[in-house]
Amino acid sequence: MHVARVLRMFPLLAAMIVVGAGALGAQERKAPFVDEGGKDSSFATYRETLIAAIASRDVDTVVASAAPDIHLDFGGGEGREEFRKRLTVTAEDFSEEYAHLADEHREEYWDALEEVLHLGGVFREPTSFTAPYTWSFKLKDDEEPFATSFVVGSDIPMRSRPSRFGDIISVLDEDVVRMLDGGKGTDFREVHVMDGRKGFVHKDHLRSAIDYRAIFENSGGRWQMTVFIAGD
């Protein structure tokens, strides 16, 4: 039987082959998915409404869900009107050189917002919810935020080269990984797992420690998004 097929059928065996049965799990760093949103029915309803509005590109509802002074970047960007601009950006908002990128830029912003809402989160206190769940994971002092990513999901294949045709050399499960330089120009990224394994993972299964996150707060019985930001 072909080795790659065996590894696909027996993911634990794949991991053992790469790092050795004795080392498996010895230095693993995991960031398990968690979603506490359902613990508060008012927040759960708010989030469901917001997700539906994002899916239908209902700008007015999405903007109304935000706090008047929503924080959007580390350069002073804030407020509902600024939020609206980012959700509705057009070619006219770019220089002629970059006008062709407007549609892509706008849709990436919408997608980032929707993804945050689908990736769980935790209550910091009864009136404050932070999403996604990865943002609640505390990095160690030697884990550089800009170089750290999370494997989102279970049974994620790690391949020998940056291609879907690369052999599956291991299988990852909600691991915390360090980003390496390989994979540029492809849809794969080279990663270093904390227990020593190295390989390539499709970018759709990786989330940077400094990617977008949101904070939602309940004030006067009303939930609002007070922060939607990326960076460190």
Protein backbone atom coordinates (compact mmCIF):
# COMPACT_ATOMS: atom_id res chain seq x y z
CA MET A 1 0.00 0.00 0.00
CA HIS A 2 1.29 3.49 -0.85
CA VAL A 3 2.87 5.26 2.15
CA ALA A 4 0.83 8.44 1.70
CA ARG A 5 -2.37 6.39 1.70
CA VAL A 6 -1.34 4.65 4.91
CA LEU A 7 -0.69 8.00 6.57
CA ARG A 8 -4.08 9.32 5.50
CA MET A 9 -5.78 6.27 6.93
CA PHE A 10 -3.85 6.28 10.19
CA PRO A 11 -3.06 9.88 11.18
CA LEU A 12 -1.70 8.97 14.62
CA LEU A 13 0.73 6.58 12.97
CA ALA A 14 1.86 9.45 10.74
CA ALA A 15 2.68 11.60 13.73
CA MET A 16 4.51 8.76 15.45
CA ILE A 17 6.63 8.13 12.38
CA VAL A 18 7.71 11.75 12.24
CA VAL A 19 8.48 12.48 15.89
CA GLY A 20 8.65 9.05 17.49
CA ALA A 21 6.14 7.52 19.85
CA GLY A 22 8.10 8.58 22.91
CA ALA A 23 8.19 12.24 21.92
CA LEU A 24 4.58 12.48 20.76
CA GLY A 25 2.80 15.08 22.83
CA ALA A 26 5.88 15.79 24.98
CA GLN A 27 6.09 19.43 23.93
CA GLU A 28 2.82 19.89 22.15
CA ARG A 29 1.08 23.25 22.31
CA LYS A 30 -2.65 23.10 21.66
CA ALA A 31 -5.27 25.83 21.36
CA PRO A 32 -8.60 23.97 21.54
CA PHE A 33 -11.67 25.57 20.00
CA VAL A 34 -14.03 27.08 22.54
CA ASP A 35 -17.25 29.04 22.14
CA GLU A 36 -18.99 30.41 25.22
CA GLY A 37 -21.37 32.56 23.16
CA GLY A 38 -24.35 30.36 23.88
CA LYS A 39 -24.06 30.93 27.62
CA ASP A 40 -25.83 34.29 27.25
CA SER A 41 -29.03 34.14 25.21
CA SER A 42 -29.00 37.88 24.52
CA PHE A 43 -25.49 37.71 23.08
CA ALA A 44 -26.32 34.56 21.10
CA THR A 45 -29.27 36.33 19.48
CA TYR A 46 -27.17 39.43 18.78
CA ARG A 47 -24.44 37.34 17.15
CA GLU A 48 -26.87 35.35 15.00
CA THR A 49 -28.45 38.57 13.75
CA LEU A 50 -25.06 40.06 12.98
CA ILE A 51 -23.87 36.97 11.11
CA ALA A 52 -27.02 37.02 8.98
CA ALA A 53 -26.52 40.71 8.22
CA ILE A 54 -22.92 40.09 7.18
CA ALA A 55 -23.92 37.20 4.93
CA SER A 56 -26.45 39.42 3.14
CA ARG A 57 -24.06 42.40 3.09
CA ASP A 58 -26.57 44.50 5.06
CA VAL A 59 -24.31 47.47 5.73
CA ASP A 60 -26.81 49.45 7.83
CA THR A 61 -27.47 46.59 10.25
CA VAL A 62 -23.79 45.76 10.60
CA VAL A 63 -22.86 49.39 11.26
CA ALA A 64 -25.72 49.75 13.76
CA SER A 65 -24.38 46.72 15.64
CA ALA A 66 -21.17 48.62 16.38
CA ALA A 67 -20.53 51.10 19.17
CA PRO A 68 -20.45 54.76 18.10
CA ASP A 69 -16.72 54.84 18.89
CA ILE A 70 -15.78 51.37 17.64
CA HIS A 71 -11.98 50.95 17.56
CA LEU A 72 -10.77 49.84 14.10
CA ASP A 73 -6.98 50.17 14.00
CA PHE A 74 -3.96 51.37 15.94
CA GLY A 75 -3.69 54.58 13.94
CA GLY A 76 -6.76 56.38 15.23
CA GLY A 77 -9.37 54.79 12.98
CA GLU A 78 -12.64 54.62 14.87
CA GLY A 79 -16.36 55.30 14.73
CA ARG A 80 -19.34 54.02 12.81
CA GLU A 81 -18.78 56.20 9.76
CA GLU A 82 -15.24 54.94 9.40
CA PHE A 83 -16.55 51.40 9.81
CA ARG A 84 -19.07 52.06 7.04
CA LYS A 85 -16.33 53.35 4.74
CA ARG A 86 -14.34 50.18 5.20
CA LEU A 87 -17.37 48.02 4.48
CA THR A 88 -18.27 49.95 1.32
CA VAL A 89 -14.88 50.93 -0.10
CA THR A 90 -14.89 51.46 -3.90
CA ALA A 91 -12.33 52.18 -6.59
CA GLU A 92 -12.84 55.91 -5.99
CA ASP A 93 -11.32 55.50 -2.52
CA PHE A 94 -8.02 54.27 -3.99
CA SER A 95 -5.38 55.92 -6.12
CA GLU A 96 -5.58 55.09 -9.81
CA GLU A 97 -2.71 52.66 -9.40
CA TYR A 98 -4.60 50.53 -6.87
CA ALA A 99 -8.22 51.15 -7.86
CA HIS A 100 -8.49 47.68 -9.37
CA LEU A 101 -7.96 46.18 -5.92
CA ALA A 102 -10.97 47.87 -4.30
CA ASP A 103 -13.45 45.02 -4.70
CA GLU A 104 -10.98 42.46 -3.41
CA HIS A 105 -10.05 44.66 -0.46
CA ARG A 106 -13.69 45.22 0.48
CA GLU A 107 -14.63 41.56 0.30
CA GLU A 108 -11.61 40.54 2.35
CA TYR A 109 -12.76 42.92 5.07
CA TRP A 110 -16.25 41.42 5.08
CA ASP A 111 -14.83 37.90 5.11
CA ALA A 112 -12.54 38.74 8.01
CA LEU A 113 -15.48 40.03 10.03
CA GLU A 114 -17.60 36.97 9.27
CA GLU A 115 -14.78 34.57 10.08
CA VAL A 116 -14.22 36.16 13.49
CA LEU A 117 -17.86 35.62 14.36
CA HIS A 118 -17.76 31.96 13.35
CA LEU A 119 -14.64 31.17 15.37
CA GLY A 120 -16.11 31.09 18.85
CA GLY A 121 -14.79 33.12 21.74
CA VAL A 122 -14.99 33.62 25.48
CA PHE A 123 -16.59 35.91 28.01
CA ARG A 124 -13.95 37.95 29.80
CA GLU A 125 -16.71 39.01 32.14
CA PRO A 126 -20.50 38.72 31.93
CA THR A 127 -20.77 41.88 29.83
CA SER A 128 -17.73 41.42 27.59
CA PHE A 129 -17.14 38.77 24.90
CA THR A 130 -13.91 38.39 22.93
CA ALA A 131 -13.68 36.58 19.57
CA PRO A 132 -12.20 34.50 18.09
CA TYR A 133 -11.21 31.79 20.55
CA THR A 134 -7.55 32.00 19.44
CA TRP A 135 -7.28 35.51 20.84
CA SER A 136 -7.90 34.13 24.34
CA PHE A 137 -4.86 31.84 24.10
CA LYS A 138 -1.93 33.17 26.12
CA LEU A 139 1.38 32.97 24.29
CA LYS A 140 4.61 32.22 26.13
CA ASP A 141 7.26 34.91 26.42
CA ASP A 142 9.35 33.23 23.71
CA GLU A 143 6.45 32.91 21.26
CA GLU A 144 6.57 35.91 18.94
CA PRO A 145 3.01 36.97 18.01
CA PHE A 146 3.98 37.92 14.45
CA ALA A 147 5.49 34.48 13.87
CA THR A 148 2.87 32.39 15.68
CA SER A 149 -0.22 30.84 14.12
CA PHE A 150 -2.92 28.43 15.19
CA VAL A 151 -4.03 25.35 13.30
CA VAL A 152 -7.80 25.72 13.14
CA GLY A 153 -9.46 22.33 13.12
CA SER A 154 -8.57 18.69 13.60
CA ASP A 155 -7.01 16.08 11.30
CA ILE A 156 -5.32 18.81 9.25
CA PRO A 157 -2.70 17.32 6.89
CA MET A 158 0.87 18.57 7.04
CA ARG A 159 2.63 17.86 3.74
CA SER A 160 6.18 17.29 2.62
CA ARG A 161 6.06 20.17 0.14
CA PRO A 162 3.82 23.20 -0.57
CA SER A 163 1.36 21.38 -2.80
CA ARG A 164 -1.81 19.38 -2.36
CA PHE A 165 0.12 16.57 -4.04
CA GLY A 166 2.79 16.58 -1.36
CA ASP A 167 2.93 13.49 0.84
CA ILE A 168 1.10 13.74 4.15
CA ILE A 169 3.91 13.46 6.69
CA SER A 170 1.83 14.25 9.77
CA VAL A 171 -1.63 15.30 10.88
CA LEU A 172 -2.22 18.36 13.08
CA ASP A 173 -4.95 18.93 15.62
CA GLU A 174 -5.44 22.50 16.93
CA ASP A 175 -1.68 22.94 17.25
CA VAL A 176 0.16 26.15 17.96
CA VAL A 177 2.89 26.56 15.32
CA ARG A 178 5.75 28.86 14.40
CA MET A 179 5.71 30.19 10.86
CA LEU A 180 8.72 29.58 8.63
CA ASP A 181 9.63 31.08 5.24
CA GLY A 182 8.70 28.22 2.91
CA GLY A 183 5.61 28.13 0.71
CA LYS A 184 5.78 31.67 -0.66
CA GLY A 185 3.81 32.04 -3.86
CA THR A 186 1.62 29.03 -3.03
CA ASP A 187 -1.48 28.40 -0.92
CA PHE A 188 0.65 26.56 1.61
CA ARG A 189 2.72 27.83 4.51
CA GLU A 190 5.72 26.18 6.11
CA VAL A 191 5.26 25.63 9.82
CA HIS A 192 7.27 24.36 12.76
CA VAL A 193 5.21 22.47 15.32
CA MET A 194 6.29 22.99 18.92
CA ASP A 195 7.29 19.33 19.28
CA GLY A 196 9.76 19.59 16.40
CA ARG A 197 7.79 18.53 13.33
CA LYS A 198 8.06 20.67 10.19
CA GLY A 199 6.03 20.73 7.01
CA PHE A 200 3.50 22.60 4.91
CA VAL A 201 -0.11 23.38 5.80
CA HIS A 202 -2.77 24.97 3.60
CA LYS A 203 -3.29 28.61 4.55
CA ASP A 204 -7.04 28.08 5.05
CA HIS A 205 -6.25 26.01 8.15
CA LEU A 206 -3.96 28.59 9.75
CA ARG A 207 -4.81 31.70 11.73
CA SER A 208 -2.19 34.25 12.75
CA ALA A 209 -1.96 35.27 16.39
CA ILE A 210 -2.31 38.89 15.22
CA ASP A 211 -5.22 38.36 12.85
CA TYR A 212 -8.52 40.20 13.24
CA ARG A 213 -10.38 39.97 16.54
CA ALA A 214 -13.44 41.63 17.99
CA ILE A 215 -14.70 42.64 21.39
CA PHE A 216 -18.40 42.88 22.17
CA GLU A 217 -19.77 44.67 25.22
CA ASN A 218 -23.18 44.91 26.80
CA SER A 219 -24.06 48.37 27.98
CA GLY A 220 -27.53 49.17 29.25
CA GLY A 221 -28.83 45.81 28.08
CA ARG A 222 -27.59 46.24 24.50
CA TRP A 223 -24.70 44.37 22.91
CA GLN A 224 -22.37 46.33 20.65
CA MET A 225 -19.10 45.60 18.89
CA THR A 226 -16.54 47.94 20.45
CA VAL A 227 -13.39 46.66 18.74
CA PHE A 228 -12.63 45.10 15.34
CA ILE A 229 -8.93 45.19 14.76
CA ALA A 230 -5.87 43.33 13.48
CA GLY A 231 -2.26 43.64 14.58
CA ASP A 232 -0.36 43.44 17.83
